[in-house]
Amino acid sequence: MKLKAGELAARTRTLRDPAVQPPGAILLFGHDQGLVTAAATTLRLATFQEEHADFDLEIFFGGDLNAERLLNSCQSYPFLAPRRLVMLKDADLLSPAASQTLLQYLKRPAPTTLLLVLAGNLEAKNPVRKAFEASTTAWCIPFYALEGRDLRQWLATQLQQEGFQADEDALQYLCDHLTGDTRNSRQELEKLILFMGHKRRVQREDVLAMVGETTTHSGFGLAAAITAGQLQEALVILEKLLESGEEPIALLGVISQRLRRVVQCGELLAQGKDPRSVATQLQIFWKEQAEVFEQSRTIPARKLADGLLYCLDADRQLKGGSETPIPASQVMERLVMRLASRLGSRR
């Protein structure tokens, strides 16, 4: 069943009504992983009691999924909670075989389990997305990057919740510089909030002093430097981000999203699609469009594929999948070096 992001709040309230039949599975996906994560947290709090997590909660990752184990978990009976909660993250990285297992389960989901599936952007033809949209027992909710009025309202609300009021020109500057994943925008807002101290009114000068400086050294700046093959610049940005407390797994998500966007851009342009429609479909920020288009035409497909494999390998290492644990900072440094070196040469 296809739903809009704006419907989630009302739908979530119905889950507390014992007379309402809850969905067997919910898919949250889209470019904006900050909104996806926030929606997942809302659903988890509404449908599951955390004191039961040791017994009735299990989390899986699509990149290295054991499909049989996922199926067994979904079909197990709850031990203490009324319903089990099974979370499948990174569903956009599922193998074809694992996707088929998930599709078969969706035909008859267990009534005692809520399967919560999280993914990056899924194209309309993606079989998992199509199955969720067609299902009568599942929800499918996309989260696209906020723009214009929607982004402005989100920024204002985030600041108001922290006790701040922003001038109109300050909000406009934030809109111009923080377009993209709200997960990264939220990190920049937190820096701004710390910078403000006891001052409650955010002015453009405050934003210029804080956000204007930090966006260059953001996850987006890191991903842009990597795909441009600027190794030294990428390493400097990575070091600053890690020193400031950025989560390596979040940075990895931004990098892999950039690579996937370049791949998708190249495929759509090769099909003769209009560049403007491609930019809209892929939610490419206007300041990055020329660079992304150029990279989609000049970086060989095999190198982009290698880059995504490098990201998958780094994901496994960051999540403890390596036999010999490696510090997260070292994992990211190796990844940046491999990617920037590989993508820096257009041959």
C-alpha atoms as a PDB file:
ATOM      1  CA  MET A   1       0.000   0.000   0.000  1.00  0.00           C
ATOM      2  CA  LYS A   2       1.459   3.329  -1.091  1.00  0.00           C
ATOM      3  CA  LEU A   3       1.360   6.082   1.523  1.00  0.00           C
ATOM      4  CA  LYS A   4       2.717   9.623   1.656  1.00  0.00           C
ATOM      5  CA  ALA A   5       5.198  10.709   4.311  1.00  0.00           C
ATOM      6  CA  GLY A   6       2.640  13.195   5.620  1.00  0.00           C
ATOM      7  CA  GLU A   7       0.222  10.359   6.399  1.00  0.00           C
ATOM      8  CA  LEU A   8       2.608   8.556   8.736  1.00  0.00           C
ATOM      9  CA  ALA A   9       1.713  10.422  11.935  1.00  0.00           C
ATOM     10  CA  ALA A  10      -2.014   9.653  11.647  1.00  0.00           C
ATOM     11  CA  ARG A  11      -1.351   6.066  10.592  1.00  0.00           C
ATOM     12  CA  THR A  12       1.005   5.545  13.520  1.00  0.00           C
ATOM     13  CA  ARG A  13      -1.677   6.647  15.978  1.00  0.00           C
ATOM     14  CA  THR A  14      -3.995   3.941  14.656  1.00  0.00           C
ATOM     15  CA  LEU A  15      -1.414   1.288  15.550  1.00  0.00           C
ATOM     16  CA  ARG A  16      -2.243   1.847  19.240  1.00  0.00           C
ATOM     17  CA  ASP A  17      -5.882   0.874  18.619  1.00  0.00           C
ATOM     18  CA  PRO A  18      -6.348  -2.869  19.323  1.00  0.00           C
ATOM     19  CA  ALA A  19      -9.341  -2.910  16.978  1.00  0.00           C
ATOM     20  CA  VAL A  20      -7.192  -1.901  13.996  1.00  0.00           C
ATOM     21  CA  GLN A  21      -5.371  -4.586  12.041  1.00  0.00           C
ATOM     22  CA  PRO A  22      -1.692  -3.523  11.973  1.00  0.00           C
ATOM     23  CA  PRO A  23       0.465  -3.953   8.860  1.00  0.00           C
ATOM     24  CA  GLY A  24       2.659  -7.030   8.643  1.00  0.00           C
ATOM     25  CA  ALA A  25       5.550  -5.049   7.144  1.00  0.00           C
ATOM     26  CA  ILE A  26       6.500  -1.425   6.539  1.00  0.00           C
ATOM     27  CA  LEU A  27       9.002  -0.126   3.977  1.00  0.00           C
ATOM     28  CA  LEU A  28      10.604   3.288   4.579  1.00  0.00           C
ATOM     29  CA  PHE A  29      12.893   4.429   1.789  1.00  0.00           C
ATOM     30  CA  GLY A  30      14.214   7.432  -0.096  1.00  0.00           C
ATOM     31  CA  HIS A  31      17.015   9.910  -0.605  1.00  0.00           C
ATOM     32  CA  ASP A  32      16.519  11.539   2.785  1.00  0.00           C
ATOM     33  CA  GLN A  33      17.895   9.030   5.263  1.00  0.00           C
ATOM     34  CA  GLY A  34      17.432  11.488   8.121  1.00  0.00           C
ATOM     35  CA  LEU A  35      13.663  11.379   7.616  1.00  0.00           C
ATOM     36  CA  VAL A  36      13.762   7.602   7.128  1.00  0.00           C
ATOM     37  CA  THR A  37      15.590   7.143  10.439  1.00  0.00           C
ATOM     38  CA  ALA A  38      13.235   9.510  12.267  1.00  0.00           C
ATOM     39  CA  ALA A  39      10.176   7.673  10.904  1.00  0.00           C
ATOM     40  CA  ALA A  40      11.663   4.323  11.926  1.00  0.00           C
ATOM     41  CA  THR A  41      12.208   5.624  15.456  1.00  0.00           C
ATOM     42  CA  THR A  42       8.617   6.878  15.627  1.00  0.00           C
ATOM     43  CA  LEU A  43       7.252   3.515  14.507  1.00  0.00           C
ATOM     44  CA  ARG A  44       9.508   1.599  16.858  1.00  0.00           C
ATOM     45  CA  LEU A  45       8.388   3.655  19.869  1.00  0.00           C
ATOM     46  CA  ALA A  46       4.736   3.299  18.860  1.00  0.00           C
ATOM     47  CA  THR A  47       4.764  -0.464  18.306  1.00  0.00           C
ATOM     48  CA  PHE A  48       7.407  -1.892  20.603  1.00  0.00           C
ATOM     49  CA  GLN A  49       8.389  -1.701  24.265  1.00  0.00           C
ATOM     50  CA  GLU A  50      12.145  -1.388  24.626  1.00  0.00           C
ATOM     51  CA  GLU A  51      12.262  -3.560  27.745  1.00  0.00           C
ATOM     52  CA  HIS A  52      11.468  -6.500  25.473  1.00  0.00           C
ATOM     53  CA  ALA A  53      14.332  -5.766  23.068  1.00  0.00           C
ATOM     54  CA  ASP A  54      16.607  -8.532  24.368  1.00  0.00           C
ATOM     55  CA  PHE A  55      14.019 -11.153  23.480  1.00  0.00           C
ATOM     56  CA  ASP A  56      11.753  -9.832  20.711  1.00  0.00           C
ATOM     57  CA  LEU A  57      13.853  -7.448  18.619  1.00  0.00           C
ATOM     58  CA  GLU A  58      16.283  -8.502  15.902  1.00  0.00           C
ATOM     59  CA  ILE A  59      18.125  -6.307  13.388  1.00  0.00           C
ATOM     60  CA  PHE A  60      19.503  -7.388   9.996  1.00  0.00           C
ATOM     61  CA  PHE A  61      21.478  -5.603   7.269  1.00  0.00           C
ATOM     62  CA  GLY A  62      20.819  -6.032   3.561  1.00  0.00           C
ATOM     63  CA  GLY A  63      24.435  -5.990   2.423  1.00  0.00           C
ATOM     64  CA  ASP A  64      25.333  -9.298   4.072  1.00  0.00           C
ATOM     65  CA  LEU A  65      21.897 -10.725   4.814  1.00  0.00           C
ATOM     66  CA  ASN A  66      21.353 -14.337   5.750  1.00  0.00           C
ATOM     67  CA  ALA A  67      17.896 -14.611   4.184  1.00  0.00           C
ATOM     68  CA  GLU A  68      17.010 -17.882   5.908  1.00  0.00           C
ATOM     69  CA  ARG A  69      17.811 -16.414   9.311  1.00  0.00           C
ATOM     70  CA  LEU A  70      15.666 -13.363   8.538  1.00  0.00           C
ATOM     71  CA  LEU A  71      12.768 -15.601   7.561  1.00  0.00           C
ATOM     72  CA  ASN A  72      13.101 -17.675  10.739  1.00  0.00           C
ATOM     73  CA  SER A  73      13.192 -14.525  12.855  1.00  0.00           C
ATOM     74  CA  CYS A  74      10.030 -13.140  11.246  1.00  0.00           C
ATOM     75  CA  GLN A  75       8.185 -16.429  11.705  1.00  0.00           C
ATOM     76  CA  SER A  76       9.207 -16.886  15.354  1.00  0.00           C
ATOM     77  CA  TYR A  77       6.663 -16.264  18.094  1.00  0.00           C
ATOM     78  CA  PRO A  78       7.202 -13.343  20.484  1.00  0.00           C
ATOM     79  CA  PHE A  79       8.555 -14.243  23.905  1.00  0.00           C
ATOM     80  CA  LEU A  80       7.364 -11.288  25.996  1.00  0.00           C
ATOM     81  CA  ALA A  81       6.072  -8.597  23.626  1.00  0.00           C
ATOM     82  CA  PRO A  82       2.660  -8.805  21.907  1.00  0.00           C
ATOM     83  CA  ARG A  83       4.497  -8.686  18.554  1.00  0.00           C
ATOM     84  CA  ARG A  84       8.111  -9.179  17.558  1.00  0.00           C
ATOM     85  CA  LEU A  85       9.926  -6.339  15.828  1.00  0.00           C
ATOM     86  CA  VAL A  86      12.326  -7.343  13.059  1.00  0.00           C
ATOM     87  CA  MET A  87      14.267  -4.551  11.353  1.00  0.00           C
ATOM     88  CA  LEU A  88      15.981  -4.931   7.984  1.00  0.00           C
ATOM     89  CA  LYS A  89      18.302  -2.006   7.208  1.00  0.00           C
ATOM     90  CA  ASP A  90      20.071  -1.208   3.918  1.00  0.00           C
ATOM     91  CA  ALA A  91      17.465  -3.122   1.922  1.00  0.00           C
ATOM     92  CA  ASP A  92      18.692  -1.392  -1.236  1.00  0.00           C
ATOM     93  CA  LEU A  93      21.792  -3.623  -0.961  1.00  0.00           C
ATOM     94  CA  LEU A  94      19.870  -6.922  -0.993  1.00  0.00           C
ATOM     95  CA  SER A  95      21.068  -9.628  -3.357  1.00  0.00           C
ATOM     96  CA  PRO A  96      18.523 -10.909  -5.928  1.00  0.00           C
ATOM     97  CA  ALA A  97      18.137 -14.156  -3.937  1.00  0.00           C
ATOM     98  CA  ALA A  98      17.553 -12.312  -0.665  1.00  0.00           C
ATOM     99  CA  SER A  99      15.041 -10.026  -2.380  1.00  0.00           C
ATOM    100  CA  GLN A 100      13.080 -13.055  -3.571  1.00  0.00           C
ATOM    101  CA  THR A 101      12.945 -14.430  -0.019  1.00  0.00           C
ATOM    102  CA  LEU A 102      11.568 -11.098   1.191  1.00  0.00           C
ATOM    103  CA  LEU A 103       8.978 -11.022  -1.611  1.00  0.00           C
ATOM    104  CA  GLN A 104       7.784 -14.521  -0.726  1.00  0.00           C
ATOM    105  CA  TYR A 105       7.426 -13.554   2.933  1.00  0.00           C
ATOM    106  CA  LEU A 106       5.350 -10.485   2.031  1.00  0.00           C
ATOM    107  CA  LYS A 107       2.722 -12.745   0.487  1.00  0.00           C
ATOM    108  CA  ARG A 108       1.961 -14.200   3.947  1.00  0.00           C
ATOM    109  CA  PRO A 109       3.580 -12.112   6.691  1.00  0.00           C
ATOM    110  CA  ALA A 110       3.482 -13.514  10.217  1.00  0.00           C
ATOM    111  CA  PRO A 111       0.680 -11.876  12.264  1.00  0.00           C
ATOM    112  CA  THR A 112       2.901 -11.838  15.372  1.00  0.00           C
ATOM    113  CA  THR A 113       5.747  -9.849  13.780  1.00  0.00           C
ATOM    114  CA  LEU A 114       6.213  -6.359  12.406  1.00  0.00           C
ATOM    115  CA  LEU A 115       8.921  -6.337   9.743  1.00  0.00           C
ATOM    116  CA  LEU A 116      10.326  -2.803   9.432  1.00  0.00           C
ATOM    117  CA  VAL A 117      12.403  -2.399   6.258  1.00  0.00           C
ATOM    118  CA  LEU A 118      14.670   0.617   5.703  1.00  0.00           C
ATOM    119  CA  ALA A 119      16.354   1.463   2.415  1.00  0.00           C
ATOM    120  CA  GLY A 120      18.012   4.197   0.420  1.00  0.00           C
ATOM    121  CA  ASN A 121      16.414   5.332  -2.796  1.00  0.00           C
ATOM    122  CA  LEU A 122      14.542   2.577  -4.656  1.00  0.00           C
ATOM    123  CA  GLU A 123      13.515   3.125  -8.254  1.00  0.00           C
ATOM    124  CA  ALA A 124       9.890   2.587  -9.263  1.00  0.00           C
ATOM    125  CA  LYS A 125      10.811  -0.686 -11.000  1.00  0.00           C
ATOM    126  CA  ASN A 126      12.586  -2.094  -7.928  1.00  0.00           C
ATOM    127  CA  PRO A 127      10.863  -5.430  -7.109  1.00  0.00           C
ATOM    128  CA  VAL A 128      10.869  -4.839  -3.339  1.00  0.00           C
ATOM    129  CA  ARG A 129       9.280  -1.421  -3.702  1.00  0.00           C
ATOM    130  CA  LYS A 130       6.711  -2.736  -6.196  1.00  0.00           C
ATOM    131  CA  ALA A 131       5.768  -5.607  -3.883  1.00  0.00           C
ATOM    132  CA  PHE A 132       5.248  -3.311  -0.895  1.00  0.00           C
ATOM    133  CA  GLU A 133       3.194  -0.875  -2.971  1.00  0.00           C
ATOM    134  CA  ALA A 134       0.956  -3.669  -4.260  1.00  0.00           C
ATOM    135  CA  SER A 135       0.538  -5.410  -0.893  1.00  0.00           C
ATOM    136  CA  THR A 136      -2.674  -5.019   1.109  1.00  0.00           C
ATOM    137  CA  THR A 137      -0.920  -5.991   4.356  1.00  0.00           C
ATOM    138  CA  ALA A 138       2.117  -3.692   4.106  1.00  0.00           C
ATOM    139  CA  TRP A 139       2.878   0.017   4.022  1.00  0.00           C
ATOM    140  CA  CYS A 140       5.304   1.672   1.580  1.00  0.00           C
ATOM    141  CA  ILE A 141       6.409   5.228   2.413  1.00  0.00           C
ATOM    142  CA  PRO A 142       8.993   7.238   0.408  1.00  0.00           C
ATOM    143  CA  PHE A 143      10.984  10.114   1.875  1.00  0.00           C
ATOM    144  CA  TYR A 144      12.321  12.532  -0.700  1.00  0.00           C
ATOM    145  CA  ALA A 145      14.806  15.324  -0.061  1.00  0.00           C
ATOM    146  CA  LEU A 146      13.109  18.413   1.333  1.00  0.00           C
ATOM    147  CA  GLU A 147      13.206  21.545  -0.794  1.00  0.00           C
ATOM    148  CA  GLY A 148      11.902  25.100  -0.719  1.00  0.00           C
ATOM    149  CA  ARG A 149       9.027  25.670   1.685  1.00  0.00           C
ATOM    150  CA  ASP A 150       9.181  22.146   3.118  1.00  0.00           C
ATOM    151  CA  LEU A 151      12.881  22.432   3.968  1.00  0.00           C
ATOM    152  CA  ARG A 152      12.360  25.907   5.392  1.00  0.00           C
ATOM    153  CA  GLN A 153       9.559  24.661   7.654  1.00  0.00           C
ATOM    154  CA  TRP A 154      11.648  21.691   8.797  1.00  0.00           C
ATOM    155  CA  LEU A 155      14.588  23.952   9.685  1.00  0.00           C
ATOM    156  CA  ALA A 156      12.363  26.393  11.556  1.00  0.00           C
ATOM    157  CA  THR A 157      10.698  23.555  13.474  1.00  0.00           C
ATOM    158  CA  GLN A 158      14.019  21.990  14.430  1.00  0.00           C
ATOM    159  CA  LEU A 159      15.273  25.313  15.804  1.00  0.00           C
ATOM    160  CA  GLN A 160      11.986  26.052  17.595  1.00  0.00           C
ATOM    161  CA  GLN A 161      12.122  22.692  19.338  1.00  0.00           C
ATOM    162  CA  GLU A 162      15.494  23.761  20.755  1.00  0.00           C
ATOM    163  CA  GLY A 163      14.120  27.128  21.858  1.00  0.00           C
ATOM    164  CA  PHE A 164      15.456  29.272  18.983  1.00  0.00           C
ATOM    165  CA  GLN A 165      13.796  31.699  16.580  1.00  0.00           C
ATOM    166  CA  ALA A 166      15.503  32.360  13.243  1.00  0.00           C
ATOM    167  CA  ASP A 167      15.313  35.504  11.129  1.00  0.00           C
ATOM    168  CA  GLU A 168      13.970  35.071   7.611  1.00  0.00           C
ATOM    169  CA  ASP A 169      17.314  35.757   5.945  1.00  0.00           C
ATOM    170  CA  ALA A 170      19.003  33.292   8.306  1.00  0.00           C
ATOM    171  CA  LEU A 171      16.511  30.590   7.334  1.00  0.00           C
ATOM    172  CA  GLN A 172      17.015  31.384   3.668  1.00  0.00           C
ATOM    173  CA  TYR A 173      20.776  31.017   3.991  1.00  0.00           C
ATOM    174  CA  LEU A 174      20.278  27.665   5.730  1.00  0.00           C
ATOM    175  CA  CYS A 175      17.950  26.532   2.936  1.00  0.00           C
ATOM    176  CA  ASP A 176      20.535  27.464   0.315  1.00  0.00           C
ATOM    177  CA  HIS A 177      23.382  25.619   2.023  1.00  0.00           C
ATOM    178  CA  LEU A 178      21.802  22.618   3.726  1.00  0.00           C
ATOM    179  CA  THR A 179      19.736  21.151   0.892  1.00  0.00           C
ATOM    180  CA  GLY A 180      20.079  17.371   0.953  1.00  0.00           C
ATOM    181  CA  ASP A 181      19.745  14.684   3.588  1.00  0.00           C
ATOM    182  CA  THR A 182      18.236  16.073   6.808  1.00  0.00           C
ATOM    183  CA  ARG A 183      20.552  13.749   8.735  1.00  0.00           C
ATOM    184  CA  ASN A 184      23.491  15.917   7.693  1.00  0.00           C
ATOM    185  CA  SER A 185      21.478  19.129   8.019  1.00  0.00           C
ATOM    186  CA  ARG A 186      20.646  18.183  11.595  1.00  0.00           C
ATOM    187  CA  GLN A 187      24.325  17.754  12.400  1.00  0.00           C
ATOM    188  CA  GLU A 188      25.030  21.237  11.066  1.00  0.00           C
ATOM    189  CA  LEU A 189      22.124  22.665  13.092  1.00  0.00           C
ATOM    190  CA  GLU A 190      23.520  21.075  16.244  1.00  0.00           C
ATOM    191  CA  LYS A 191      26.815  22.846  15.624  1.00  0.00           C
ATOM    192  CA  LEU A 192      24.920  26.106  15.117  1.00  0.00           C
ATOM    193  CA  ILE A 193      22.989  25.578  18.357  1.00  0.00           C
ATOM    194  CA  LEU A 194      26.217  25.041  20.299  1.00  0.00           C
ATOM    195  CA  PHE A 195      27.684  28.124  18.639  1.00  0.00           C
ATOM    196  CA  MET A 196      24.682  30.253  19.679  1.00  0.00           C
ATOM    197  CA  GLY A 197      25.073  29.571  23.395  1.00  0.00           C
ATOM    198  CA  HIS A 198      22.468  31.549  25.379  1.00  0.00           C
ATOM    199  CA  LYS A 199      21.484  33.729  22.446  1.00  0.00           C
ATOM    200  CA  ARG A 200      17.999  32.657  21.323  1.00  0.00           C
ATOM    201  CA  ARG A 201      17.601  34.638  18.106  1.00  0.00           C
ATOM    202  CA  VAL A 202      19.468  33.228  15.094  1.00  0.00           C
ATOM    203  CA  GLN A 203      20.590  35.895  12.648  1.00  0.00           C
ATOM    204  CA  ARG A 204      22.247  35.605   9.257  1.00  0.00           C
ATOM    205  CA  GLU A 205      25.595  36.637  10.731  1.00  0.00           C
ATOM    206  CA  ASP A 206      25.444  33.682  13.121  1.00  0.00           C
ATOM    207  CA  VAL A 207      24.732  31.257  10.286  1.00  0.00           C
ATOM    208  CA  LEU A 208      27.515  32.728   8.165  1.00  0.00           C
ATOM    209  CA  ALA A 209      29.961  32.361  11.027  1.00  0.00           C
ATOM    210  CA  MET A 210      29.074  28.735  11.729  1.00  0.00           C
ATOM    211  CA  VAL A 211      27.279  26.872   8.949  1.00  0.00           C
ATOM    212  CA  GLY A 212      28.962  28.761   6.123  1.00  0.00           C
ATOM    213  CA  GLU A 213      32.328  27.501   7.306  1.00  0.00           C
ATOM    214  CA  THR A 214      31.358  23.938   8.160  1.00  0.00           C
ATOM    215  CA  THR A 215      29.442  22.936   5.036  1.00  0.00           C
ATOM    216  CA  THR A 216      32.687  22.774   3.073  1.00  0.00           C
ATOM    217  CA  HIS A 217      33.843  20.172   5.550  1.00  0.00           C
ATOM    218  CA  SER A 218      30.640  18.137   5.469  1.00  0.00           C
ATOM    219  CA  GLY A 219      29.847  14.639   4.303  1.00  0.00           C
ATOM    220  CA  PHE A 220      28.744  16.158   0.997  1.00  0.00           C
ATOM    221  CA  GLY A 221      32.065  17.965   0.640  1.00  0.00           C
ATOM    222  CA  LEU A 222      33.880  14.716   1.349  1.00  0.00           C
ATOM    223  CA  ALA A 223      31.852  12.771  -1.232  1.00  0.00           C
ATOM    224  CA  ALA A 224      32.369  15.506  -3.833  1.00  0.00           C
ATOM    225  CA  ALA A 225      36.137  15.516  -3.279  1.00  0.00           C
ATOM    226  CA  ILE A 226      36.286  11.725  -3.575  1.00  0.00           C
ATOM    227  CA  THR A 227      34.345  11.513  -6.846  1.00  0.00           C
ATOM    228  CA  ALA A 228      36.470  14.352  -8.222  1.00  0.00           C
ATOM    229  CA  GLY A 229      39.571  12.287  -7.423  1.00  0.00           C
ATOM    230  CA  GLN A 230      40.942  14.955  -5.051  1.00  0.00           C
ATOM    231  CA  LEU A 231      42.694  12.600  -2.652  1.00  0.00           C
ATOM    232  CA  GLN A 232      44.552  15.078  -0.430  1.00  0.00           C
ATOM    233  CA  GLU A 233      41.523  17.336  -0.051  1.00  0.00           C
ATOM    234  CA  ALA A 234      39.316  14.337   0.745  1.00  0.00           C
ATOM    235  CA  LEU A 235      41.712  13.117   3.447  1.00  0.00           C
ATOM    236  CA  VAL A 236      41.835  16.589   5.036  1.00  0.00           C
ATOM    237  CA  ILE A 237      38.029  16.800   5.090  1.00  0.00           C
ATOM    238  CA  LEU A 238      37.749  13.267   6.507  1.00  0.00           C
ATOM    239  CA  GLU A 239      40.180  14.083   9.319  1.00  0.00           C
ATOM    240  CA  LYS A 240      38.253  17.225  10.265  1.00  0.00           C
ATOM    241  CA  LEU A 241      34.918  15.403  10.191  1.00  0.00           C
ATOM    242  CA  LEU A 242      36.134  12.556  12.398  1.00  0.00           C
ATOM    243  CA  GLU A 243      37.730  15.011  14.825  1.00  0.00           C
ATOM    244  CA  SER A 244      34.413  16.851  15.099  1.00  0.00           C
ATOM    245  CA  GLY A 245      32.630  13.633  16.053  1.00  0.00           C
ATOM    246  CA  GLU A 246      30.974  12.658  12.763  1.00  0.00           C
ATOM    247  CA  GLU A 247      29.904   9.006  12.686  1.00  0.00           C
ATOM    248  CA  PRO A 248      31.910   6.950  10.152  1.00  0.00           C
ATOM    249  CA  ILE A 249      28.844   4.906   9.178  1.00  0.00           C
ATOM    250  CA  ALA A 250      26.932   8.122   8.376  1.00  0.00           C
ATOM    251  CA  LEU A 251      29.805   9.400   6.234  1.00  0.00           C
ATOM    252  CA  LEU A 252      29.894   6.072   4.430  1.00  0.00           C
ATOM    253  CA  GLY A 253      26.196   6.454   3.652  1.00  0.00           C
ATOM    254  CA  VAL A 254      26.737   9.880   2.083  1.00  0.00           C
ATOM    255  CA  ILE A 255      29.661   8.589  -0.006  1.00  0.00           C
ATOM    256  CA  SER A 256      27.800   5.520  -1.295  1.00  0.00           C
ATOM    257  CA  GLN A 257      24.727   7.642  -2.045  1.00  0.00           C
ATOM    258  CA  ARG A 258      26.867   9.979  -4.170  1.00  0.00           C
ATOM    259  CA  LEU A 259      28.298   7.033  -6.117  1.00  0.00           C
ATOM    260  CA  ARG A 260      24.851   5.541  -6.727  1.00  0.00           C
ATOM    261  CA  ARG A 261      23.586   8.927  -7.874  1.00  0.00           C
ATOM    262  CA  VAL A 262      26.406   9.253 -10.414  1.00  0.00           C
ATOM    263  CA  VAL A 263      25.621   5.734 -11.697  1.00  0.00           C
ATOM    264  CA  GLN A 264      21.897   6.433 -12.003  1.00  0.00           C
ATOM    265  CA  CYS A 265      22.567   9.796 -13.643  1.00  0.00           C
ATOM    266  CA  GLY A 266      24.750   8.170 -16.308  1.00  0.00           C
ATOM    267  CA  GLU A 267      22.139   5.511 -17.030  1.00  0.00           C
ATOM    268  CA  LEU A 268      19.308   8.036 -17.414  1.00  0.00           C
ATOM    269  CA  LEU A 269      21.338  10.405 -19.589  1.00  0.00           C
ATOM    270  CA  ALA A 270      22.380   7.467 -21.789  1.00  0.00           C
ATOM    271  CA  GLN A 271      18.665   6.727 -22.286  1.00  0.00           C
ATOM    272  CA  GLY A 272      18.233  10.218 -23.712  1.00  0.00           C
ATOM    273  CA  LYS A 273      16.472  11.682 -20.672  1.00  0.00           C
ATOM    274  CA  ASP A 274      16.425  15.451 -20.310  1.00  0.00           C
ATOM    275  CA  PRO A 275      19.105  16.635 -17.826  1.00  0.00           C
ATOM    276  CA  ARG A 276      16.588  18.774 -15.949  1.00  0.00           C
ATOM    277  CA  SER A 277      14.237  15.836 -15.414  1.00  0.00           C
ATOM    278  CA  VAL A 278      17.202  13.675 -14.365  1.00  0.00           C
ATOM    279  CA  ALA A 279      18.281  16.272 -11.798  1.00  0.00           C
ATOM    280  CA  THR A 280      14.726  16.424 -10.441  1.00  0.00           C
ATOM    281  CA  GLN A 281      14.282  12.652 -10.336  1.00  0.00           C
ATOM    282  CA  LEU A 282      17.595  12.073  -8.550  1.00  0.00           C
ATOM    283  CA  GLN A 283      17.228  15.116  -6.281  1.00  0.00           C
ATOM    284  CA  ILE A 284      20.586  16.570  -7.360  1.00  0.00           C
ATOM    285  CA  PHE A 285      21.207  19.935  -5.719  1.00  0.00           C
ATOM    286  CA  TRP A 286      21.473  22.657  -8.375  1.00  0.00           C
ATOM    287  CA  LYS A 287      25.025  23.618  -7.346  1.00  0.00           C
ATOM    288  CA  GLU A 288      26.197  20.033  -7.906  1.00  0.00           C
ATOM    289  CA  GLN A 289      24.403  19.263 -11.170  1.00  0.00           C
ATOM    290  CA  ALA A 290      27.190  20.221 -13.599  1.00  0.00           C
ATOM    291  CA  GLU A 291      29.753  18.226 -11.619  1.00  0.00           C
ATOM    292  CA  VAL A 292      27.539  15.132 -11.248  1.00  0.00           C
ATOM    293  CA  PHE A 293      26.634  15.183 -14.954  1.00  0.00           C
ATOM    294  CA  GLU A 294      30.300  15.477 -15.932  1.00  0.00           C
ATOM    295  CA  GLN A 295      31.312  12.614 -13.638  1.00  0.00           C
ATOM    296  CA  SER A 296      28.489  10.401 -14.910  1.00  0.00           C
ATOM    297  CA  ARG A 297      29.836  10.829 -18.438  1.00  0.00           C
ATOM    298  CA  THR A 298      33.574  10.519 -17.748  1.00  0.00           C
ATOM    299  CA  ILE A 299      33.968   7.979 -14.934  1.00  0.00           C
ATOM    300  CA  PRO A 300      33.898   4.453 -16.408  1.00  0.00           C
ATOM    301  CA  ALA A 301      31.027   2.279 -15.158  1.00  0.00           C
ATOM    302  CA  ARG A 302      33.438  -0.406 -13.970  1.00  0.00           C
ATOM    303  CA  LYS A 303      35.154   2.101 -11.661  1.00  0.00           C
ATOM    304  CA  LEU A 304      31.856   3.216 -10.157  1.00  0.00           C
ATOM    305  CA  ALA A 305      30.935  -0.449  -9.628  1.00  0.00           C
ATOM    306  CA  ASP A 306      34.284  -1.034  -7.930  1.00  0.00           C
ATOM    307  CA  GLY A 307      33.628   2.013  -5.754  1.00  0.00           C
ATOM    308  CA  LEU A 308      30.301   0.612  -4.549  1.00  0.00           C
ATOM    309  CA  LEU A 309      32.003  -2.691  -3.735  1.00  0.00           C
ATOM    310  CA  TYR A 310      34.638  -0.796  -1.738  1.00  0.00           C
ATOM    311  CA  CYS A 311      31.803   0.877   0.193  1.00  0.00           C
ATOM    312  CA  LEU A 312      30.143  -2.478   0.866  1.00  0.00           C
ATOM    313  CA  ASP A 313      33.435  -3.866   2.171  1.00  0.00           C
ATOM    314  CA  ALA A 314      33.881  -0.837   4.435  1.00  0.00           C
ATOM    315  CA  ASP A 315      30.294  -1.248   5.669  1.00  0.00           C
ATOM    316  CA  ARG A 316      31.025  -4.821   6.749  1.00  0.00           C
ATOM    317  CA  GLN A 317      34.186  -3.747   8.560  1.00  0.00           C
ATOM    318  CA  LEU A 318      32.445  -0.875  10.371  1.00  0.00           C
ATOM    319  CA  LYS A 319      29.670  -3.228  11.499  1.00  0.00           C
ATOM    320  CA  GLY A 320      32.094  -5.787  12.876  1.00  0.00           C
ATOM    321  CA  GLY A 321      32.059  -8.187   9.941  1.00  0.00           C
ATOM    322  CA  SER A 322      35.849  -8.436   9.713  1.00  0.00           C
ATOM    323  CA  GLU A 323      37.736 -11.275  11.394  1.00  0.00           C
ATOM    324  CA  THR A 324      40.424  -8.778  12.397  1.00  0.00           C
ATOM    325  CA  PRO A 325      38.756  -5.650  13.818  1.00  0.00           C
ATOM    326  CA  ILE A 326      40.074  -2.406  12.308  1.00  0.00           C
ATOM    327  CA  PRO A 327      39.548   1.049  13.891  1.00  0.00           C
ATOM    328  CA  ALA A 328      36.709   2.915  12.192  1.00  0.00           C
ATOM    329  CA  SER A 329      38.933   5.884  11.362  1.00  0.00           C
ATOM    330  CA  GLN A 330      41.387   3.567   9.617  1.00  0.00           C
ATOM    331  CA  VAL A 331      38.577   1.872   7.681  1.00  0.00           C
ATOM    332  CA  MET A 332      37.374   5.265   6.411  1.00  0.00           C
ATOM    333  CA  GLU A 333      40.878   6.471   5.567  1.00  0.00           C
ATOM    334  CA  ARG A 334      41.548   3.332   3.514  1.00  0.00           C
ATOM    335  CA  LEU A 335      38.194   3.705   1.764  1.00  0.00           C
ATOM    336  CA  VAL A 336      38.828   7.347   0.855  1.00  0.00           C
ATOM    337  CA  MET A 337      42.265   6.498  -0.498  1.00  0.00           C
ATOM    338  CA  ARG A 338      40.959   3.597  -2.576  1.00  0.00           C
ATOM    339  CA  LEU A 339      38.026   5.551  -3.966  1.00  0.00           C
ATOM    340  CA  ALA A 340      39.785   8.831  -4.731  1.00  0.00           C
ATOM    341  CA  SER A 341      42.704   7.027  -6.350  1.00  0.00           C
ATOM    342  CA  ARG A 342      40.422   4.795  -8.404  1.00  0.00           C
ATOM    343  CA  LEU A 343      38.062   7.566  -9.500  1.00  0.00           C
ATOM    344  CA  GLY A 344      40.774  10.176 -10.033  1.00  0.00           C
ATOM    345  CA  SER A 345      41.854   8.530 -13.260  1.00  0.00           C
ATOM    346  CA  ARG A 346      39.204   8.614 -15.985  1.00  0.00           C
ATOM    347  CA  ARG A 347      40.823   5.728 -17.907  1.00  0.00           C
END
